[in-house]
PDB file of N, CA and C in Angstrom:
ATOM      1  N   MET A   1      95.366-442.915 116.413  1.00  0.00           N
ATOM      2  CA  MET A   1      96.137-441.771 116.026  1.00  0.00           C
ATOM      3  C   MET A   1      96.420-440.932 117.264  1.00  0.00           C
ATOM      4  N   ASN A   2      97.674-440.703 117.530  1.00  0.00           N
ATOM      5  CA  ASN A   2      98.077-439.996 118.725  1.00  0.00           C
ATOM      6  C   ASN A   2      98.537-438.586 118.352  1.00  0.00           C
ATOM      7  N   PHE A   3      97.883-437.604 118.940  1.00  0.00           N
ATOM      8  CA  PHE A   3      98.246-436.209 118.684  1.00  0.00           C
ATOM      9  C   PHE A   3      99.086-435.683 119.843  1.00  0.00           C
ATOM     10  N   ASN A   4     100.213-435.146 119.511  1.00  0.00           N
ATOM     11  CA  ASN A   4     100.994-434.419 120.511  1.00  0.00           C
ATOM     12  C   ASN A   4     100.446-433.008 120.611  1.00  0.00           C
ATOM     13  N   ARG A   5     100.884-432.287 121.623  1.00  0.00           N
ATOM     14  CA  ARG A   5     100.404-430.909 121.767  1.00  0.00           C
ATOM     15  C   ARG A   5     100.806-430.045 120.589  1.00  0.00           C
ATOM     16  N   SER A   6     101.945-430.282 120.017  1.00  0.00           N
ATOM     17  CA  SER A   6     102.402-429.453 118.900  1.00  0.00           C
ATOM     18  C   SER A   6     101.723-429.834 117.591  1.00  0.00           C
ATOM     19  N   ASP A   7     101.148-431.034 117.511  1.00  0.00           N
ATOM     20  CA  ASP A   7     100.510-431.490 116.280  1.00  0.00           C
ATOM     21  C   ASP A   7      99.055-431.059 116.170  1.00  0.00           C
ATOM     22  N   ARG A   8      98.426-430.706 117.292  1.00  0.00           N
ATOM     23  CA  ARG A   8      97.013-430.341 117.258  1.00  0.00           C
ATOM     24  C   ARG A   8      96.813-428.987 116.593  1.00  0.00           C
ATOM     25  N   PRO A   9      95.718-428.833 115.885  1.00  0.00           N
ATOM     26  CA  PRO A   9      95.445-427.510 115.296  1.00  0.00           C
ATOM     27  C   PRO A   9      95.101-426.499 116.380  1.00  0.00           C
ATOM     28  N   HIS A  10      95.542-425.280 116.182  1.00  0.00           N
ATOM     29  CA  HIS A  10      95.300-424.209 117.144  1.00  0.00           C
ATOM     30  C   HIS A  10      94.334-423.203 116.548  1.00  0.00           C
ATOM     31  N   SER A  11      93.562-422.580 117.405  1.00  0.00           N
ATOM     32  CA  SER A  11      92.688-421.504 116.947  1.00  0.00           C
ATOM     33  C   SER A  11      93.348-420.172 117.265  1.00  0.00           C
ATOM     34  N   ASN A  12      93.048-419.195 116.465  1.00  0.00           N
ATOM     35  CA  ASN A  12      93.575-417.858 116.671  1.00  0.00           C
ATOM     36  C   ASN A  12      92.642-417.127 117.624  1.00  0.00           C
ATOM     37  N   LYS A  13      93.040-417.032 118.881  1.00  0.00           N
ATOM     38  CA  LYS A  13      92.146-416.495 119.913  1.00  0.00           C
ATOM     39  C   LYS A  13      91.868-415.011 119.725  1.00  0.00           C
ATOM     40  N   GLU A  14      92.806-414.275 119.163  1.00  0.00           N
ATOM     41  CA  GLU A  14      92.568-412.848 118.931  1.00  0.00           C
ATOM     42  C   GLU A  14      91.456-412.649 117.905  1.00  0.00           C
ATOM     43  N   GLN A  15      91.464-413.445 116.844  1.00  0.00           N
ATOM     44  CA  GLN A  15      90.408-413.368 115.835  1.00  0.00           C
ATOM     45  C   GLN A  15      89.066-413.780 116.426  1.00  0.00           C
ATOM     46  N   LEU A  16      89.081-414.792 117.270  1.00  0.00           N
ATOM     47  CA  LEU A  16      87.836-415.246 117.901  1.00  0.00           C
ATOM     48  C   LEU A  16      87.242-414.164 118.799  1.00  0.00           C
ATOM     49  N   ILE A  17      88.085-413.492 119.559  1.00  0.00           N
ATOM     50  CA  ILE A  17      87.594-412.447 120.460  1.00  0.00           C
ATOM     51  C   ILE A  17      87.070-411.255 119.672  1.00  0.00           C
ATOM     52  N   LYS A  18      87.773-410.855 118.618  1.00  0.00           N
ATOM     53  CA  LYS A  18      87.307-409.742 117.790  1.00  0.00           C
ATOM     54  C   LYS A  18      85.987-410.075 117.102  1.00  0.00           C
ATOM     55  N   GLY A  19      85.855-411.311 116.629  1.00  0.00           N
ATOM     56  CA  GLY A  19      84.616-411.726 115.984  1.00  0.00           C
ATOM     57  C   GLY A  19      83.449-411.784 116.946  1.00  0.00           C
ATOM     58  N   ALA A  20      83.696-412.311 118.132  1.00  0.00           N
ATOM     59  CA  ALA A  20      82.628-412.371 119.138  1.00  0.00           C
ATOM     60  C   ALA A  20      82.217-410.974 119.575  1.00  0.00           C
ATOM     61  N   THR A  21      83.182-410.059 119.659  1.00  0.00           N
ATOM     62  CA  THR A  21      82.866-408.680 120.014  1.00  0.00           C
ATOM     63  C   THR A  21      81.980-408.035 118.951  1.00  0.00           C
ATOM     64  N   LEU A  22      82.292-408.272 117.696  1.00  0.00           N
ATOM     65  CA  LEU A  22      81.452-407.725 116.625  1.00  0.00           C
ATOM     66  C   LEU A  22      80.047-408.324 116.660  1.00  0.00           C
ATOM     67  N   MET A  23      79.967-409.618 116.911  1.00  0.00           N
ATOM     68  CA  MET A  23      78.658-410.270 116.952  1.00  0.00           C
ATOM     69  C   MET A  23      77.822-409.745 118.119  1.00  0.00           C
ATOM     70  N   PHE A  24      78.445-409.583 119.283  1.00  0.00           N
ATOM     71  CA  PHE A  24      77.708-409.041 120.427  1.00  0.00           C
ATOM     72  C   PHE A  24      77.415-407.559 120.241  1.00  0.00           C
ATOM     73  N   GLY A  25      78.261-406.859 119.504  1.00  0.00           N
ATOM     74  CA  GLY A  25      78.019-405.455 119.226  1.00  0.00           C
ATOM     75  C   GLY A  25      76.848-405.230 118.289  1.00  0.00           C
ATOM     76  N   SER A  26      76.486-406.254 117.530  1.00  0.00           N
ATOM     77  CA  SER A  26      75.349-406.119 116.622  1.00  0.00           C
ATOM     78  C   SER A  26      74.005-406.308 117.334  1.00  0.00           C
ATOM     79  N   LEU A  27      74.018-406.812 118.542  1.00  0.00           N
ATOM     80  CA  LEU A  27      72.759-407.088 119.250  1.00  0.00           C
ATOM     81  C   LEU A  27      71.877-405.861 119.480  1.00  0.00           C
ATOM     82  N   PRO A  28      72.418-404.698 119.857  1.00  0.00           N
ATOM     83  CA  PRO A  28      71.516-403.548 119.998  1.00  0.00           C
ATOM     84  C   PRO A  28      70.818-403.178 118.693  1.00  0.00           C
ATOM     85  N   PHE A  29      71.518-403.319 117.581  1.00  0.00           N
ATOM     86  CA  PHE A  29      70.915-403.008 116.290  1.00  0.00           C
ATOM     87  C   PHE A  29      69.895-404.062 115.881  1.00  0.00           C
ATOM     88  N   VAL A  30      70.130-405.303 116.276  1.00  0.00           N
ATOM     89  CA  VAL A  30      69.179-406.380 115.964  1.00  0.00           C
ATOM     90  C   VAL A  30      67.828-406.104 116.593  1.00  0.00           C
ATOM     91  N   PHE A  31      67.830-405.604 117.818  1.00  0.00           N
ATOM     92  CA  PHE A  31      66.572-405.359 118.504  1.00  0.00           C
ATOM     93  C   PHE A  31      65.988-403.987 118.193  1.00  0.00           C
ATOM     94  N   SER A  32      66.837-402.986 117.970  1.00  0.00           N
ATOM     95  CA  SER A  32      66.308-401.642 117.762  1.00  0.00           C
ATOM     96  C   SER A  32      65.753-401.434 116.359  1.00  0.00           C
ATOM     97  N   GLY A  33      66.245-402.166 115.369  1.00  0.00           N
ATOM     98  CA  GLY A  33      65.719-402.020 114.011  1.00  0.00           C
ATOM     99  C   GLY A  33      64.231-402.332 113.910  1.00  0.00           C
ATOM    100  N   PRO A  34      63.792-403.504 114.330  1.00  0.00           N
ATOM    101  CA  PRO A  34      62.355-403.799 114.286  1.00  0.00           C
ATOM    102  C   PRO A  34      61.510-402.926 115.223  1.00  0.00           C
ATOM    103  N   VAL A  35      62.064-402.547 116.376  1.00  0.00           N
ATOM    104  CA  VAL A  35      61.319-401.682 117.294  1.00  0.00           C
ATOM    105  C   VAL A  35      61.076-400.323 116.656  1.00  0.00           C
ATOM    106  N   LEU A  36      62.104-399.765 116.020  1.00  0.00           N
ATOM    107  CA  LEU A  36      61.931-398.493 115.319  1.00  0.00           C
ATOM    108  C   LEU A  36      60.948-398.624 114.169  1.00  0.00           C
ATOM    109  N   PHE A  37      61.006-399.751 113.490  1.00  0.00           N
ATOM    110  CA  PHE A  37      60.101-399.984 112.369  1.00  0.00           C
ATOM    111  C   PHE A  37      58.653-399.991 112.839  1.00  0.00           C
ATOM    112  N   TYR A  38      58.395-400.625 113.964  1.00  0.00           N
ATOM    113  CA  TYR A  38      57.022-400.754 114.451  1.00  0.00           C
ATOM    114  C   TYR A  38      56.509-399.470 115.102  1.00  0.00           C
ATOM    115  N   PHE A  39      57.334-398.865 115.961  1.00  0.00           N
ATOM    116  CA  PHE A  39      56.846-397.733 116.737  1.00  0.00           C
ATOM    117  C   PHE A  39      57.039-396.377 116.055  1.00  0.00           C
ATOM    118  N   ILE A  40      58.013-396.258 115.144  1.00  0.00           N
ATOM    119  CA  ILE A  40      58.232-394.983 114.468  1.00  0.00           C
ATOM    120  C   ILE A  40      57.877-395.071 112.993  1.00  0.00           C
ATOM    121  N   GLY A  41      58.268-396.163 112.349  1.00  0.00           N
ATOM    122  CA  GLY A  41      58.083-396.279 110.907  1.00  0.00           C
ATOM    123  C   GLY A  41      56.640-396.348 110.469  1.00  0.00           C
ATOM    124  N   PHE A  42      55.835-397.192 111.085  1.00  0.00           N
ATOM    125  CA  PHE A  42      54.433-397.325 110.697  1.00  0.00           C
ATOM    126  C   PHE A  42      53.608-396.059 110.942  1.00  0.00           C
ATOM    127  N   PRO A  43      53.713-395.423 112.111  1.00  0.00           N
ATOM    128  CA  PRO A  43      52.924-394.191 112.296  1.00  0.00           C
ATOM    129  C   PRO A  43      53.326-393.069 111.329  1.00  0.00           C
ATOM    130  N   LEU A  44      54.617-392.941 111.042  1.00  0.00           N
ATOM    131  CA  LEU A  44      55.042-391.902 110.107  1.00  0.00           C
ATOM    132  C   LEU A  44      54.665-392.240 108.670  1.00  0.00           C
ATOM    133  N   LEU A  45      54.601-393.517 108.355  1.00  0.00           N
ATOM    134  CA  LEU A  45      54.205-393.917 107.010  1.00  0.00           C
ATOM    135  C   LEU A  45      52.741-393.571 106.753  1.00  0.00           C
ATOM    136  N   ASP A  46      51.919-393.627 107.784  1.00  0.00           N
ATOM    137  CA  ASP A  46      50.520-393.207 107.636  1.00  0.00           C
ATOM    138  C   ASP A  46      50.403-391.721 107.325  1.00  0.00           C
ATOM    139  N   GLU A  47      51.389-390.942 107.801  1.00  0.00           N
ATOM    140  CA  GLU A  47      51.394-389.507 107.527  1.00  0.00           C
ATOM    141  C   GLU A  47      52.075-389.168 106.207  1.00  0.00           C
ATOM    142  N   GLY A  48      52.630-390.172 105.547  1.00  0.00           N
ATOM    143  CA  GLY A  48      53.301-389.947 104.267  1.00  0.00           C
ATOM    144  C   GLY A  48      54.791-389.695 104.373  1.00  0.00           C
ATOM    145  N   LYS A  49      55.358-389.864 105.544  1.00  0.00           N
ATOM    146  CA  LYS A  49      56.793-389.647 105.748  1.00  0.00           C
ATOM    147  C   LYS A  49      57.508-390.993 105.757  1.00  0.00           C
ATOM    148  N   THR A  50      58.638-391.057 105.096  1.00  0.00           N
ATOM    149  CA  THR A  50      59.342-392.334 104.976  1.00  0.00           C
ATOM    150  C   THR A  50      60.652-392.377 105.743  1.00  0.00           C
ATOM    151  N   TRP A  51      61.014-391.324 106.469  1.00  0.00           N
ATOM    152  CA  TRP A  51      62.313-391.338 107.133  1.00  0.00           C
ATOM    153  C   TRP A  51      62.371-392.364 108.268  1.00  0.00           C
ATOM    154  N   GLY A  52      61.252-392.699 108.882  1.00  0.00           N
ATOM    155  CA  GLY A  52      61.239-393.716 109.939  1.00  0.00           C
ATOM    156  C   GLY A  52      61.538-395.099 109.399  1.00  0.00           C
ATOM    157  N   ILE A  53      60.978-395.392 108.224  1.00  0.00           N
ATOM    158  CA  ILE A  53      61.250-396.683 107.578  1.00  0.00           C
ATOM    159  C   ILE A  53      62.712-396.765 107.172  1.00  0.00           C
ATOM    160  N   LEU A  54      63.238-395.666 106.633  1.00  0.00           N
ATOM    161  CA  LEU A  54      64.644-395.647 106.217  1.00  0.00           C
ATOM    162  C   LEU A  54      65.587-395.799 107.402  1.00  0.00           C
ATOM    163  N   LEU A  55      65.261-395.155 108.513  1.00  0.00           N
ATOM    164  CA  LEU A  55      66.092-395.269 109.713  1.00  0.00           C
ATOM    165  C   LEU A  55      66.104-396.694 110.245  1.00  0.00           C
ATOM    166  N   SER A  56      64.960-397.330 110.309  1.00  0.00           N
ATOM    167  CA  SER A  56      64.906-398.712 110.796  1.00  0.00           C
ATOM    168  C   SER A  56      65.590-399.670 109.816  1.00  0.00           C
ATOM    169  N   THR A  57      65.518-399.370 108.530  1.00  0.00           N
ATOM    170  CA  THR A  57      66.207-400.198 107.535  1.00  0.00           C
ATOM    171  C   THR A  57      67.722-400.081 107.689  1.00  0.00           C
ATOM    172  N   VAL A  58      68.200-398.879 107.953  1.00  0.00           N
ATOM    173  CA  VAL A  58      69.639-398.682 108.169  1.00  0.00           C
ATOM    174  C   VAL A  58      70.096-399.440 109.413  1.00  0.00           C
ATOM    175  N   PHE A  59      69.311-399.400 110.469  1.00  0.00           N
ATOM    176  CA  PHE A  59      69.658-400.142 111.686  1.00  0.00           C
ATOM    177  C   PHE A  59      69.685-401.649 111.418  1.00  0.00           C
ATOM    178  N   SER A  60      68.730-402.154 110.660  1.00  0.00           N
ATOM    179  CA  SER A  60      68.676-403.579 110.378  1.00  0.00           C
ATOM    180  C   SER A  60      69.843-404.022 109.488  1.00  0.00           C
ATOM    181  N   ILE A  61      70.178-403.216 108.496  1.00  0.00           N
ATOM    182  CA  ILE A  61      71.311-403.555 107.621  1.00  0.00           C
ATOM    183  C   ILE A  61      72.618-403.484 108.398  1.00  0.00           C
ATOM    184  N   THR A  62      72.738-402.528 109.312  1.00  0.00           N
ATOM    185  CA  THR A  62      73.922-402.448 110.159  1.00  0.00           C
ATOM    186  C   THR A  62      74.042-403.692 111.032  1.00  0.00           C
ATOM    187  N   ALA A  63      72.937-404.153 111.583  1.00  0.00           N
ATOM    188  CA  ALA A  63      72.955-405.358 112.419  1.00  0.00           C
ATOM    189  C   ALA A  63      73.401-406.573 111.614  1.00  0.00           C
ATOM    190  N   ILE A  64      72.869-406.714 110.417  1.00  0.00           N
ATOM    191  CA  ILE A  64      73.225-407.864 109.586  1.00  0.00           C
ATOM    192  C   ILE A  64      74.696-407.815 109.196  1.00  0.00           C
ATOM    193  N   SER A  65      75.179-406.637 108.797  1.00  0.00           N
ATOM    194  CA  SER A  65      76.565-406.541 108.354  1.00  0.00           C
ATOM    195  C   SER A  65      77.551-406.757 109.504  1.00  0.00           C
ATOM    196  N   LEU A  66      77.251-406.218 110.683  1.00  0.00           N
ATOM    197  CA  LEU A  66      78.130-406.451 111.832  1.00  0.00           C
ATOM    198  C   LEU A  66      78.150-407.923 112.236  1.00  0.00           C
ATOM    199  N   PHE A  67      76.984-408.565 112.208  1.00  0.00           N
ATOM    200  CA  PHE A  67      76.928-409.977 112.587  1.00  0.00           C
ATOM    201  C   PHE A  67      77.686-410.848 111.593  1.00  0.00           C
ATOM    202  N   VAL A  68      77.520-410.576 110.314  1.00  0.00           N
ATOM    203  CA  VAL A  68      78.214-411.377 109.294  1.00  0.00           C
ATOM    204  C   VAL A  68      79.722-411.150 109.367  1.00  0.00           C
ATOM    205  N   ALA A  69      80.142-409.895 109.588  1.00  0.00           N
ATOM    206  CA  ALA A  69      81.573-409.617 109.722  1.00  0.00           C
ATOM    207  C   ALA A  69      82.158-410.346 110.933  1.00  0.00           C
ATOM    208  N   GLY A  70      81.422-410.354 112.033  1.00  0.00           N
ATOM    209  CA  GLY A  70      81.877-411.074 113.221  1.00  0.00           C
ATOM    210  C   GLY A  70      81.928-412.569 112.998  1.00  0.00           C
ATOM    211  N   LEU A  71      80.921-413.101 112.324  1.00  0.00           N
ATOM    212  CA  LEU A  71      80.899-414.534 112.043  1.00  0.00           C
ATOM    213  C   LEU A  71      82.051-414.939 111.129  1.00  0.00           C
ATOM    214  N   LEU A  72      82.329-414.128 110.132  1.00  0.00           N
ATOM    215  CA  LEU A  72      83.458-414.421 109.248  1.00  0.00           C
ATOM    216  C   LEU A  72      84.783-414.394 110.010  1.00  0.00           C
ATOM    217  N   ARG A  73      84.901-413.451 110.929  1.00  0.00           N
ATOM    218  CA  ARG A  73      86.133-413.362 111.714  1.00  0.00           C
ATOM    219  C   ARG A  73      86.271-414.551 112.655  1.00  0.00           C
ATOM    220  N   VAL A  74      85.167-415.017 113.238  1.00  0.00           N
ATOM    221  CA  VAL A  74      85.212-416.195 114.107  1.00  0.00           C
ATOM    222  C   VAL A  74      85.592-417.430 113.288  1.00  0.00           C
ATOM    223  N   LEU A  75      85.008-417.580 112.125  1.00  0.00           N
ATOM    224  CA  LEU A  75      85.346-418.729 111.294  1.00  0.00           C
ATOM    225  C   LEU A  75      86.795-418.675 110.824  1.00  0.00           C
ATOM    226  N   LYS A  76      87.281-417.473 110.543  1.00  0.00           N
ATOM    227  CA  LYS A  76      88.685-417.312 110.172  1.00  0.00           C
ATOM    228  C   LYS A  76      89.579-417.687 111.333  1.00  0.00           C
ATOM    229  N   GLY A  77      89.173-417.356 112.549  1.00  0.00           N
ATOM    230  CA  GLY A  77      89.946-417.727 113.732  1.00  0.00           C
ATOM    231  C   GLY A  77      89.995-419.221 113.950  1.00  0.00           C
ATOM    232  N   PHE A  78      88.942-419.924 113.610  1.00  0.00           N
ATOM    233  CA  PHE A  78      88.926-421.378 113.762  1.00  0.00           C
ATOM    234  C   PHE A  78      89.661-422.106 112.654  1.00  0.00           C
ATOM    235  N   PHE A  79      89.456-421.679 111.428  1.00  0.00           N
ATOM    236  CA  PHE A  79      89.905-422.480 110.297  1.00  0.00           C
ATOM    237  C   PHE A  79      91.081-421.904 109.524  1.00  0.00           C
ATOM    238  N   ASP A  80      91.595-420.750 109.915  1.00  0.00           N
ATOM    239  CA  ASP A  80      92.714-420.163 109.193  1.00  0.00           C
ATOM    240  C   ASP A  80      93.986-420.960 109.501  1.00  0.00           C
ATOM    241  N   ALA A  81      94.682-421.349 108.443  1.00  0.00           N
ATOM    242  CA  ALA A  81      95.911-422.148 108.627  1.00  0.00           C
ATOM    243  C   ALA A  81      97.035-421.228 109.057  1.00  0.00           C
ATOM    244  N   ARG A  82      97.788-421.677 110.023  1.00  0.00           N
ATOM    245  CA  ARG A  82      98.948-420.909 110.494  1.00  0.00           C
ATOM    246  C   ARG A  82     100.200-421.388 109.815  1.00  0.00           C
TER     247      ARG A  82
END
């Protein structure tokens, strides 16, 4: 099977770049969520305060949502039909 240049499937490079940017943008939240949980959440939980746990949970959920949004955009860039 011989593919010409016009017959090959193309990827949407703009979608790929936006998705990769979102995925790399989630990295600070990926690392800061557990760090906040360990260093701020546990000591405050011993005192009866829960705002440290809530803050680290928000950071972790933000990391997951940004990564999934970026991954979906990358997959859309690869597999979206033009």
